[in-house]
Every structure is written in C-alpha cells, then in structure tokens.
Protein backbone atom coordinates (compact mmCIF):
# COMPACT_ATOMS: atom_id res chain seq x y z
CA MET A 1 -11.57 -53.02 26.72
CA ARG A 2 -11.61 -54.67 23.29
CA ASP A 3 -8.25 -53.21 22.34
CA ARG A 4 -6.74 -54.51 25.62
CA GLN A 5 -8.09 -58.07 24.95
CA ALA A 6 -6.80 -57.91 21.35
CA GLY A 7 -3.39 -56.71 22.66
CA ALA A 8 -3.27 -59.51 25.20
CA ARG A 9 -4.22 -62.08 22.58
CA GLY A 10 -1.54 -60.70 20.20
CA PHE A 11 1.09 -60.81 22.97
CA VAL A 12 0.28 -64.38 23.87
CA ALA A 13 0.24 -65.51 20.26
CA GLY A 14 3.60 -63.73 19.67
CA VAL A 15 5.22 -65.45 22.68
CA VAL A 16 3.81 -68.84 21.56
CA LEU A 17 5.03 -68.38 17.97
CA ALA A 18 8.52 -67.16 19.17
CA GLY A 19 8.72 -70.22 21.41
CA ALA A 20 7.53 -72.47 18.53
CA ALA A 21 10.19 -71.03 16.20
CA ALA A 22 12.91 -71.51 18.86
CA MET A 23 11.87 -75.13 19.49
CA ALA A 24 11.72 -75.93 15.78
CA ALA A 25 15.09 -74.18 15.13
CA VAL A 26 16.85 -76.17 17.85
CA GLY A 27 15.15 -79.36 16.69
CA ALA A 28 16.26 -78.78 13.11
CA TRP A 29 19.81 -78.17 14.37
CA CYS A 30 19.76 -81.45 16.31
CA ARG A 31 18.44 -83.26 13.26
CA VAL A 32 20.74 -81.74 10.65
CA ASP A 33 23.93 -81.24 12.63
CA PRO A 34 23.80 -83.55 15.71
CA ALA A 35 27.62 -83.27 16.22
CA GLY A 36 27.56 -79.53 16.22
CA PHE A 37 24.62 -79.37 18.56
CA ALA A 38 26.19 -81.88 20.94
CA GLN A 39 29.42 -79.91 21.03
CA TRP A 40 27.59 -76.62 21.67
CA ALA A 41 25.36 -78.15 24.37
CA GLY A 42 28.18 -80.07 26.04
CA TRP A 43 26.43 -83.40 25.54
CA PRO A 44 27.91 -86.70 24.41
CA GLU A 45 27.62 -87.17 20.70
CA HIS A 46 24.96 -89.82 20.08
CA GLU A 47 23.73 -89.23 16.58
CA HIS A 48 20.45 -91.27 16.85
CA PHE A 49 19.33 -89.86 20.13
CA LEU A 50 20.04 -86.33 18.91
CA HIS A 51 18.07 -87.06 15.75
CA ASP A 52 15.17 -88.19 17.95
CA ALA A 53 15.54 -85.15 20.17
CA GLY A 54 15.40 -83.04 17.07
CA VAL A 55 12.16 -84.56 15.90
CA PHE A 56 10.59 -84.09 19.29
CA GLN A 57 11.69 -80.43 19.49
CA ILE A 58 10.30 -79.82 15.98
CA ALA A 59 7.03 -81.50 16.91
CA ILE A 60 6.67 -79.38 20.02
CA GLY A 61 7.29 -76.23 17.87
CA LEU A 62 4.70 -77.31 15.27
CA MET A 63 2.14 -78.06 17.96
CA MET A 64 2.67 -74.69 19.59
CA ALA A 65 2.23 -72.89 16.26
CA ALA A 66 -0.75 -74.97 15.33
CA ALA A 67 -2.41 -74.16 18.63
CA VAL A 68 -2.40 -70.48 17.77
CA TRP A 69 -4.50 -70.98 14.67
CA TRP A 70 -6.22 -74.23 15.30
CA ARG A 71 -8.23 -73.84 18.41
CA ASP A 72 -8.94 -77.54 18.76
CA VAL A 73 -6.70 -79.16 21.42
CA VAL A 74 -7.54 -82.77 20.40
CA ALA A 75 -6.74 -82.07 16.78
CA VAL A 76 -3.40 -80.29 17.69
CA ALA A 77 -2.46 -83.18 19.99
CA LEU A 78 -3.26 -85.82 17.37
CA ALA A 79 -1.48 -83.99 14.60
CA GLY A 80 1.53 -83.69 16.89
CA PHE A 81 1.27 -87.35 17.73
CA VAL A 82 1.15 -88.33 13.99
CA PHE A 83 4.03 -86.03 13.02
CA THR A 84 6.24 -87.20 15.93
CA ASN A 85 5.73 -90.87 15.39
CA ALA A 86 6.08 -90.69 11.57
CA PHE A 87 9.37 -88.86 11.75
CA HIS A 88 10.53 -90.87 14.75
CA ALA A 89 9.99 -93.91 12.51
CA LEU A 90 12.07 -92.28 9.76
CA ASN A 91 14.86 -91.67 12.24
CA HIS A 92 14.83 -95.35 13.21
CA HIS A 93 14.88 -96.44 9.61
CA LEU A 94 17.71 -94.03 8.64
CA ASP A 95 19.72 -94.85 11.78
CA ARG A 96 19.07 -98.60 11.73
CA GLU A 97 22.83 -99.40 11.59
CA GLN A 98 23.24 -97.67 15.01
CA GLY A 99 21.10 -100.12 16.91
CA GLY A 100 17.47 -100.71 17.82
CA HIS A 101 15.16 -103.39 16.47
CA ALA A 102 14.11 -103.97 12.84
CA SER A 103 10.45 -103.64 13.95
CA ASP A 104 10.94 -100.16 15.51
CA PRO A 105 10.07 -98.09 12.34
CA LEU A 106 7.04 -100.29 11.70
CA ILE A 107 5.72 -100.00 15.25
CA LEU A 108 6.16 -96.27 15.19
CA LEU A 109 4.47 -95.97 11.79
CA ALA A 110 1.56 -98.02 13.14
CA PHE A 111 1.18 -95.52 16.02
CA ALA A 112 1.26 -92.72 13.41
CA LEU A 113 -1.33 -94.45 11.27
CA VAL A 114 -3.73 -95.09 14.22
CA GLY A 115 -3.28 -91.43 15.27
CA GLY A 116 -3.95 -90.29 11.73
CA CYS A 117 -7.17 -92.27 11.58
CA ALA A 118 -8.27 -90.86 14.91
CA LEU A 119 -7.48 -87.34 13.62
CA ALA A 120 -9.51 -87.96 10.49
CA VAL A 121 -12.47 -89.26 12.46
CA HIS A 122 -12.22 -86.35 14.85
CA LEU A 123 -12.17 -83.75 12.15
CA ARG A 124 -14.99 -85.46 10.22
CA ARG A 125 -17.08 -85.63 13.46
CA ARG A 126 -16.51 -81.88 13.99
CA ARG A 127 -18.07 -81.13 10.63
CA THR A 128 -21.27 -82.97 11.24
CA PRO A 129 -24.39 -80.80 11.80
CA GLU A 130 -24.98 -82.17 15.30
CA HIS A 131 -21.48 -81.05 16.40
CA GLY A 132 -21.15 -77.89 14.40
CA GLU A 133 -17.97 -76.46 12.99
CA ALA A 134 -16.66 -75.36 16.40
CA ALA A 135 -17.34 -78.57 18.34
CA ALA A 136 -14.40 -80.25 20.13
C-alpha cells in the first residue's frame, strides 16, 4: 500500500514538474524571442503582449514547481503574485516606448511589494509556536 502511494505521489509530482517545465520554456521563448514565438503560434506580433504572456507563463511554471516542494498554497500563491507583478513591471519599464502609462511599472511594483510583505508576514506567522511549522 505504501509503495502504491509513493508511486502515485511520484507520478503526480512528475506530471506537475513536466508541466511546469513546459510552461516555463514557452514563457521564456515568448520573453526572449517574441517574433519567433508569434510566427510559430500564428499570432500577430505584438512584442509587449508577448513579453507579458511570457512572464505569466514562467510564473505559472514556477508556481507549479514550487507547489511540489512547498506544501503551502498561500505561500505559493503569494510568491507567484510577487514574481508576476515584479517581472510584469520590468516588462512595462523595458517596453515603455511601445505604449502604456508612465505609472504602470510603479503600480505593478507596488502590488509586488504588498504581496512580498504579505508573504513575509505569512511565513513568519507559520514559524510561531502557536501555529507550528506546518500551519497554513
């Protein structure tokens, strides 16, 4: 029975990690070579939106991978929120000549900062004796 459970856990973890790798790879492709990805996918080439799509794909992949090792759904969600908003802000800064508002990177960084603070509070709270190490 224990071997079957371990096998099932291994199978699920393997599928999650393979999916995470695929998401991150596609996201990296969108981010690094938006024109090549657009041509392959048959999409219009809009560099900024493909950069954003890349960041979101990478974030999904990182959250999937983190969920395999970090069995804390709130921490995984907050870490993904922080990563996504921080790198989305970077996209808006780097692509600022393509449109948007001057305030976009700052607003997105503010979301990342608030999420980072919430993540820090959540992790610190988990380590208190009343919540124990495994508390969510």
